C-alpha cells in the first residue's frame, strides 16, 4: 500500500466504523462484526451521507469535503475518483494554476465540462513575484501583481477549457499589503465584469492569521483557504505547525469574525503534519494532535488523519480541502468530513 493511501483500516476495522455510524452498537455490533465476512469491495459500497455548509457570501451549499485536484491530477486524469466523489455528494472541486500544479487543470477539464452545472469550480493563480510576509508593496508592485494574477486567471480558463469559474483565489498569499491592494481588487472586479469569475478568495499557508484578518477587514473576499490543524496554524515553509501558534480552539474568534463578514472558510494541510516532514517522506506522527482531543474523541472509530479533519471542521471551518489518490483514500476523507458533526456537541 503506497504512502498516499495512508494505511487505511482493515476491512474489519472499516466495518466497525461503518456500523457505528449506522447506529449499531454494543453487543449487536460485536455479533454483527463477528458474523460478517464482507469483502473490501463490499465495505467500500457503504458511504455516509455528505453534509453541507453555506460557503460565505457565495451562497453556495457546499459539501464539507472539497476535492483537492491540484496534487491529485498533476500528472494523470482520475475521472473515476472525481465521478465517485460527485456521485456520493461532493460538489466543490478545487484546482490551481499550471505554473504550480502542472497538468491538473487540463486533467480536470473534461470532468468539469460534463458536470459544470452541478459543481462549484475553484482555481487559483500566483502573482508571480517573490514577496516577503512583512514587506510593504508600493503601487507599481501592486500593479505588477494584479497583471500577473489576471494573466494566471486567463491561463487557468484556457487550461480548464471554460470561460468561467465560480471562484478564483490569489494563491499562496502571505502579505497583508497584497491582500489590501486596490490594484488587485480592481483586477478581480474587471474579471468579474467580464464574466470570468463570480467570487474572489485567498489561499494562504504563511502568516495566515494576519492574512485572514486583513481579508475580513476589506470586505472583498468570499472565500479563504487556510492552513490550519488541531494544534494551530500550519506553515508550509516550515512543514510544521507554527511554534508560536495558539491551538485551533483558541483561534475560534478569528475564524468566527471572518465568517461573520461573509468569508467561507476552507481548511487545508489539516493532516499534513501527521504524514512526516517532507511531503510524506519522513517519520509519521499519528499521535501528534492527540493532546488536543478529549478522551472520547481519541476513541472515535477514525484514523488519525480522519480525526484531524473531523476536528477542524467542528472547530470553525466550513469545509476541508483534501486530495485523494485512490478510492480508499477518497472514502477515508469523505467519511471524516461527512460525520465530523457526530463527535462534537
Protein backbone atom coordinates (compact mmCIF):
# COMPACT_ATOMS: atom_id res chain seq x y z
CA UNK A 1 0.00 0.00 0.00
CA UNK A 2 1.52 3.32 -1.03
CA UNK A 3 2.02 6.39 1.13
CA UNK A 4 -0.98 8.21 -0.35
CA UNK A 5 -3.39 5.54 0.90
CA UNK A 6 -2.28 6.33 4.46
CA UNK A 7 -2.59 2.88 5.91
CA UNK A 8 -6.35 2.62 5.59
CA UNK A 9 -8.01 0.46 8.27
CA UNK A 10 -8.55 -3.21 7.59
CA UNK A 11 -11.92 -4.41 6.32
CA UNK A 12 -12.92 -5.45 9.86
CA UNK A 13 -11.95 -2.04 11.22
CA UNK A 14 -13.84 -0.26 8.45
CA UNK A 15 -16.93 -2.39 9.06
CA UNK A 16 -16.84 -1.48 12.73
CA UNK A 17 -16.64 2.19 11.79
CA UNK A 18 -19.48 1.93 9.32
CA UNK A 19 -21.73 0.00 11.67
CA UNK A 20 -21.06 2.55 14.40
CA UNK A 21 -22.12 5.30 12.00
CA UNK A 22 -25.31 3.38 11.28
CA UNK A 23 -26.11 3.21 14.99
CA UNK A 24 -25.33 -0.47 15.56
CA UNK A 25 -23.69 -0.61 18.95
CA UNK A 26 -22.67 -2.73 21.89
CA UNK A 27 -23.25 -6.48 21.72
CA UNK A 28 -25.17 -6.12 18.45
CA UNK A 29 -22.14 -4.56 16.84
CA UNK A 30 -19.86 -7.26 18.20
CA UNK A 31 -22.13 -10.05 16.96
CA UNK A 32 -22.50 -8.35 13.59
CA UNK A 33 -18.78 -7.82 13.24
CA UNK A 34 -18.12 -11.42 14.15
CA UNK A 35 -20.63 -12.83 11.70
CA UNK A 36 -19.90 -10.60 8.71
CA UNK A 37 -17.33 -11.74 6.19
CA UNK A 38 -17.74 -8.78 3.87
CA UNK A 39 -15.06 -8.19 1.29
CA UNK A 40 -13.17 -4.91 0.92
CA UNK A 41 -15.20 -4.10 -2.17
CA UNK A 42 -18.46 -4.67 -0.32
CA UNK A 43 -17.36 -2.45 2.54
CA UNK A 44 -16.42 0.25 0.07
CA UNK A 45 -20.02 0.42 -1.15
CA UNK A 46 -21.19 1.86 2.19
CA UNK A 47 -20.75 5.63 2.39
CA UNK A 48 -22.23 8.01 4.97
CA UNK A 49 -24.39 10.89 3.76
CA UNK A 50 -22.44 14.04 2.98
CA UNK A 51 -23.19 17.18 4.97
CA UNK A 52 -23.18 20.72 3.60
CA UNK A 53 -22.44 24.27 4.68
CA UNK A 54 -23.10 27.63 3.01
CA UNK A 55 -19.75 28.93 1.76
CA UNK A 56 -19.76 32.53 2.90
CA UNK A 57 -21.28 35.17 0.66
CA UNK A 58 -21.15 32.79 -2.32
CA UNK A 59 -24.46 31.44 -1.02
CA UNK A 60 -23.48 28.01 -2.35
CA UNK A 61 -24.35 24.97 -0.25
CA UNK A 62 -21.01 23.23 -0.49
CA UNK A 63 -20.00 19.77 0.62
CA UNK A 64 -17.85 19.80 3.72
CA UNK A 65 -15.24 17.88 1.75
CA UNK A 66 -13.64 19.81 -1.09
CA UNK A 67 -11.95 17.57 -3.63
CA UNK A 68 -8.44 18.97 -3.96
CA UNK A 69 -7.47 18.33 -7.57
CA UNK A 70 -4.06 20.00 -7.65
CA UNK A 71 -1.75 17.27 -6.39
CA UNK A 72 -4.17 14.50 -7.33
CA UNK A 73 -4.34 15.44 -11.02
CA UNK A 74 -0.88 16.89 -11.63
CA UNK A 75 0.21 14.04 -13.87
CA UNK A 76 -2.86 11.99 -14.78
CA UNK A 77 -6.60 12.36 -15.10
CA UNK A 78 -8.61 10.49 -12.49
CA UNK A 79 -12.20 10.74 -13.65
CA UNK A 80 -13.08 7.55 -11.78
CA UNK A 81 -12.33 9.27 -8.46
CA UNK A 82 -13.94 12.53 -9.49
CA UNK A 83 -17.09 10.70 -10.55
CA UNK A 84 -17.17 8.71 -7.32
CA UNK A 85 -16.84 11.88 -5.28
CA UNK A 86 -19.64 13.60 -7.19
CA UNK A 87 -21.87 10.53 -7.04
CA UNK A 88 -21.63 10.45 -3.25
CA UNK A 89 -22.27 14.16 -2.78
CA UNK A 90 -19.02 16.13 -3.15
CA UNK A 91 -19.88 19.26 -5.14
CA UNK A 92 -16.85 21.55 -4.66
CA UNK A 93 -13.71 20.92 -6.73
CA UNK A 94 -10.55 22.97 -6.24
CA UNK A 95 -7.55 23.07 -8.57
CA UNK A 96 -4.76 25.54 -9.39
CA UNK A 97 -2.55 27.13 -11.98
CA UNK A 98 -0.31 25.04 -14.24
CA UNK A 99 2.58 27.23 -13.03
CA UNK A 100 2.46 25.09 -9.89
CA UNK A 101 0.18 22.11 -10.46
CA UNK A 102 1.42 21.16 -13.95
CA UNK A 103 -1.44 19.47 -15.84
CA UNK A 104 -4.06 19.45 -13.08
CA UNK A 105 -6.40 22.00 -14.66
CA UNK A 106 -6.21 20.31 -18.07
CA UNK A 107 -6.85 16.92 -16.46
CA UNK A 108 -9.86 18.28 -14.58
CA UNK A 109 -11.34 19.97 -17.67
CA UNK A 110 -13.30 17.03 -19.18
CA UNK A 111 -15.00 16.19 -15.88
CA UNK A 112 -15.72 19.85 -15.10
CA UNK A 113 -17.28 20.38 -18.54
CA UNK A 114 -19.59 17.36 -18.17
CA UNK A 115 -20.80 18.42 -14.72
CA UNK A 116 -20.45 22.18 -14.89
CA UNK A 117 -23.95 22.92 -13.60
CA UNK A 118 -23.60 20.51 -10.69
CA UNK A 119 -20.31 21.67 -9.19
CA UNK A 120 -18.70 24.74 -7.66
CA UNK A 121 -15.39 25.13 -9.52
CA UNK A 122 -12.45 26.89 -7.86
CA UNK A 123 -8.98 27.56 -9.18
CA UNK A 124 -6.16 29.83 -8.09
CA UNK A 125 -3.23 31.74 -9.52
CA UNK A 126 0.08 33.16 -8.36
CA UNK A 127 1.07 36.81 -8.55
CA UNK A 128 4.46 35.83 -9.99
CA UNK A 129 6.58 37.81 -7.54
CA UNK A 130 8.73 36.99 -4.54
CA UNK A 131 7.02 38.84 -1.70
CA UNK A 132 8.05 38.67 1.93
CA UNK A 133 5.42 38.35 4.61
CA UNK A 134 6.36 41.68 6.26
CA UNK A 135 7.08 43.60 3.05
CA UNK A 136 5.07 46.72 2.20
CA UNK A 137 4.27 46.81 -1.51
CA UNK A 138 4.29 50.05 -3.45
CA UNK A 139 1.75 50.94 -6.14
CA UNK A 140 3.87 49.67 -9.03
CA UNK A 141 4.45 46.32 -7.31
CA UNK A 142 0.70 46.01 -6.71
CA UNK A 143 0.01 46.77 -10.37
CA UNK A 144 2.52 44.11 -11.43
CA UNK A 145 0.96 41.58 -9.06
CA UNK A 146 -2.50 42.40 -10.42
CA UNK A 147 -1.36 41.99 -14.03
CA UNK A 148 0.25 38.65 -13.24
CA UNK A 149 -2.79 37.38 -11.34
CA UNK A 150 -5.10 38.39 -14.19
CA UNK A 151 -2.85 36.57 -16.68
CA UNK A 152 -2.89 33.49 -14.45
CA UNK A 153 -6.71 33.56 -14.43
CA UNK A 154 -6.76 33.68 -18.24
CA UNK A 155 -4.36 30.72 -18.46
CA UNK A 156 -6.47 28.77 -15.97
CA UNK A 157 -9.61 29.36 -18.02
CA UNK A 158 -7.77 28.20 -21.13
CA UNK A 159 -6.45 25.05 -19.42
CA UNK A 160 -9.85 24.30 -17.89
CA UNK A 161 -11.46 24.86 -21.31
CA UNK A 162 -14.10 27.12 -19.84
CA UNK A 163 -14.98 30.80 -19.92
CA UNK A 164 -15.94 30.99 -16.27
CA UNK A 165 -15.05 29.68 -12.82
CA UNK A 166 -17.11 30.14 -9.67
CA UNK A 167 -14.15 31.41 -7.66
CA UNK A 168 -10.51 32.25 -8.26
CA UNK A 169 -8.04 32.67 -5.41
CA UNK A 170 -4.90 34.68 -5.02
CA UNK A 171 -2.64 31.69 -4.35
CA UNK A 172 -0.08 31.38 -1.54
CA UNK A 173 -0.74 34.83 -0.08
CA UNK A 174 1.49 35.79 2.83
CA UNK A 175 1.40 39.58 2.66
CA UNK A 176 -1.16 41.94 4.15
CA UNK A 177 -0.48 44.81 1.73
CA UNK A 178 -1.19 42.45 -1.19
CA UNK A 179 -4.47 41.41 0.41
CA UNK A 180 -5.44 45.08 0.82
CA UNK A 181 -4.25 46.14 -2.63
CA UNK A 182 -6.77 48.26 -4.52
CA UNK A 183 -5.00 47.27 -7.74
CA UNK A 184 -5.60 43.60 -7.02
CA UNK A 185 -9.22 44.29 -6.15
CA UNK A 186 -9.78 46.18 -9.39
CA UNK A 187 -8.25 43.27 -11.33
CA UNK A 188 -10.80 40.96 -9.74
CA UNK A 189 -13.68 43.34 -10.42
CA UNK A 190 -12.63 43.61 -14.06
CA UNK A 191 -12.57 39.81 -14.36
CA UNK A 192 -15.96 39.62 -12.65
CA UNK A 193 -17.45 42.19 -15.03
CA UNK A 194 -16.07 40.19 -17.96
CA UNK A 195 -17.92 37.09 -16.72
CA UNK A 196 -14.74 35.16 -15.97
CA UNK A 197 -15.31 34.67 -12.24
CA UNK A 198 -18.01 35.22 -9.62
CA UNK A 199 -16.08 35.25 -6.35
CA UNK A 200 -12.65 36.19 -5.05
CA UNK A 201 -10.64 34.34 -2.46
CA UNK A 202 -7.25 33.89 -0.86
CA UNK A 203 -5.25 30.74 -0.28
CA UNK A 204 -2.67 31.06 2.48
CA UNK A 205 -0.29 28.87 4.45
CA UNK A 206 2.14 31.51 5.76
CA UNK A 207 1.30 34.46 8.04
CA UNK A 208 -2.22 33.06 7.91
CA UNK A 209 -3.84 34.88 10.80
CA UNK A 210 -2.74 38.31 9.59
CA UNK A 211 -3.81 37.49 6.03
CA UNK A 212 -7.22 36.27 7.15
CA UNK A 213 -7.81 39.28 9.39
CA UNK A 214 -6.85 41.65 6.55
CA UNK A 215 -9.14 39.83 4.11
CA UNK A 216 -12.01 40.10 6.56
CA UNK A 217 -11.35 43.79 7.09
CA UNK A 218 -11.54 44.63 3.36
CA UNK A 219 -14.95 43.04 2.79
CA UNK A 220 -13.81 41.99 -0.69
CA UNK A 221 -13.31 38.26 -0.32
CA UNK A 222 -15.87 35.46 -0.41
CA UNK A 223 -13.58 32.55 0.45
CA UNK A 224 -10.35 31.85 2.30
CA UNK A 225 -8.47 28.58 2.12
CA UNK A 226 -6.30 28.42 5.22
CA UNK A 227 -3.66 26.01 6.51
CA UNK A 228 -4.79 25.02 9.97
CA UNK A 229 -4.56 21.93 12.18
CA UNK A 230 -5.95 20.95 15.58
CA UNK A 231 -2.69 22.28 17.03
CA UNK A 232 -2.98 25.64 15.25
CA UNK A 233 -1.70 27.36 12.12
CA UNK A 234 0.37 25.22 9.74
CA UNK A 235 3.34 26.87 8.00
CA UNK A 236 4.21 25.41 4.60
CA UNK A 237 7.76 26.78 4.67
CA UNK A 238 8.48 25.06 7.97
CA UNK A 239 6.45 21.97 7.04
CA UNK A 240 5.16 22.09 10.61
CA UNK A 241 2.70 23.74 12.93
CA UNK A 242 3.89 27.27 13.73
CA UNK A 243 5.76 27.25 17.03
CA UNK A 244 4.05 30.47 18.13
CA UNK A 245 0.53 29.43 17.12
CA UNK A 246 -2.26 29.04 19.63
CA UNK A 247 -4.14 25.73 19.29
CA UNK A 248 -7.13 25.80 16.98
CA UNK A 249 -9.66 26.06 19.79
CA UNK A 250 -8.11 29.44 20.67
CA UNK A 251 -8.35 30.66 17.07
CA UNK A 252 -12.14 30.42 17.04
CA UNK A 253 -12.68 34.17 17.48
CA UNK A 254 -10.57 34.92 14.40
CA UNK A 255 -12.42 32.31 12.36
CA UNK A 256 -15.84 33.46 13.53
CA UNK A 257 -15.05 37.09 12.72
CA UNK A 258 -14.06 36.15 9.16
CA UNK A 259 -17.23 34.14 8.70
CA UNK A 260 -19.35 36.95 10.15
CA UNK A 261 -18.29 39.26 7.30
CA UNK A 262 -19.14 36.66 4.65
CA UNK A 263 -15.96 34.66 4.15
CA UNK A 264 -16.41 30.91 3.71
CA UNK A 265 -13.53 29.09 5.41
CA UNK A 266 -11.95 26.04 3.80
CA UNK A 267 -9.14 24.26 5.63
CA UNK A 268 -6.08 22.71 4.06
CA UNK A 269 -3.00 20.90 5.40
CA UNK A 270 -5.08 19.78 8.38
CA UNK A 271 -3.34 16.40 8.49
CA UNK A 272 -0.05 17.18 6.72
CA UNK A 273 1.89 17.31 9.99
CA UNK A 274 0.92 13.70 10.70
CA UNK A 275 2.46 12.40 7.49
CA UNK A 276 6.08 13.34 8.04
CA UNK A 277 8.07 16.49 7.39
CA UNK A 278 8.67 16.38 3.64
CA UNK A 279 5.52 15.56 1.66
CA UNK A 280 5.08 12.25 3.42
CA UNK A 281 8.74 11.26 3.35
CA UNK A 282 9.84 11.05 6.95
CA UNK A 283 8.54 9.70 10.23
CA UNK A 284 4.78 9.65 10.60
CA UNK A 285 3.40 11.27 13.74
CA UNK A 286 -0.06 9.75 14.15
CA UNK A 287 -0.42 10.91 17.75
CA UNK A 288 0.84 14.47 17.18
CA UNK A 289 -2.56 16.07 17.82
CA UNK A 290 -3.83 13.70 20.49
CA UNK A 291 -3.22 16.14 23.34
CA UNK A 292 -5.78 18.45 21.71
CA UNK A 293 -8.52 15.80 21.77
CA UNK A 294 -10.67 14.77 24.68
CA UNK A 295 -10.64 11.06 25.64
CA UNK A 296 -13.92 10.21 23.93
CA UNK A 297 -12.78 11.69 20.60
CA UNK A 298 -9.47 9.85 20.83
CA UNK A 299 -11.51 6.66 20.96
CA UNK A 300 -13.69 7.56 17.97
CA UNK A 301 -13.63 4.98 15.14
CA UNK A 302 -11.44 7.19 12.95
CA UNK A 303 -7.89 7.06 11.68
CA UNK A 304 -5.52 9.82 12.89
CA UNK A 305 -5.96 11.58 9.55
CA UNK A 306 -9.75 11.38 9.73
CA UNK A 307 -9.64 12.64 13.30
CA UNK A 308 -7.74 15.78 12.30
CA UNK A 309 -10.23 16.57 9.51
CA UNK A 310 -13.22 15.98 11.76
CA UNK A 311 -11.75 18.18 14.48
CA UNK A 312 -11.01 21.22 12.30
CA UNK A 313 -14.47 21.01 10.74
CA UNK A 314 -16.05 21.04 14.18
CA UNK A 315 -13.95 23.97 15.39
CA UNK A 316 -14.61 26.76 12.94
CA UNK A 317 -14.29 25.62 9.32
CA UNK A 318 -17.00 25.28 6.71
CA UNK A 319 -15.15 22.66 4.67
CA UNK A 320 -11.82 20.91 4.38
CA UNK A 321 -9.81 20.51 1.18
CA UNK A 322 -8.16 17.12 0.76
CA UNK A 323 -6.64 15.47 -2.28
CA UNK A 324 -7.45 11.81 -2.86
CA UNK A 325 -5.10 9.47 -4.68
CA UNK A 326 -7.25 6.31 -4.55
CA UNK A 327 -10.83 5.28 -3.89
CA UNK A 328 -9.89 4.13 -0.39
CA UNK A 329 -8.23 7.46 0.26
CA UNK A 330 -11.29 9.32 -1.02
CA UNK A 331 -13.61 7.30 1.20
CA UNK A 332 -11.41 7.94 4.23
CA UNK A 333 -11.50 11.70 3.65
CA UNK A 334 -15.20 11.62 2.77
CA UNK A 335 -16.19 9.74 5.92
CA UNK A 336 -14.33 12.19 8.16
CA UNK A 337 -15.96 15.22 6.55
CA UNK A 338 -19.44 13.72 6.40
CA UNK A 339 -19.51 12.57 10.02
CA UNK A 340 -17.49 15.20 11.91
CA UNK A 341 -20.66 16.61 13.47
CA UNK A 342 -21.38 13.29 15.19
CA UNK A 343 -18.43 13.63 17.56
CA UNK A 344 -18.98 17.14 18.94
CA UNK A 345 -21.96 18.77 20.60
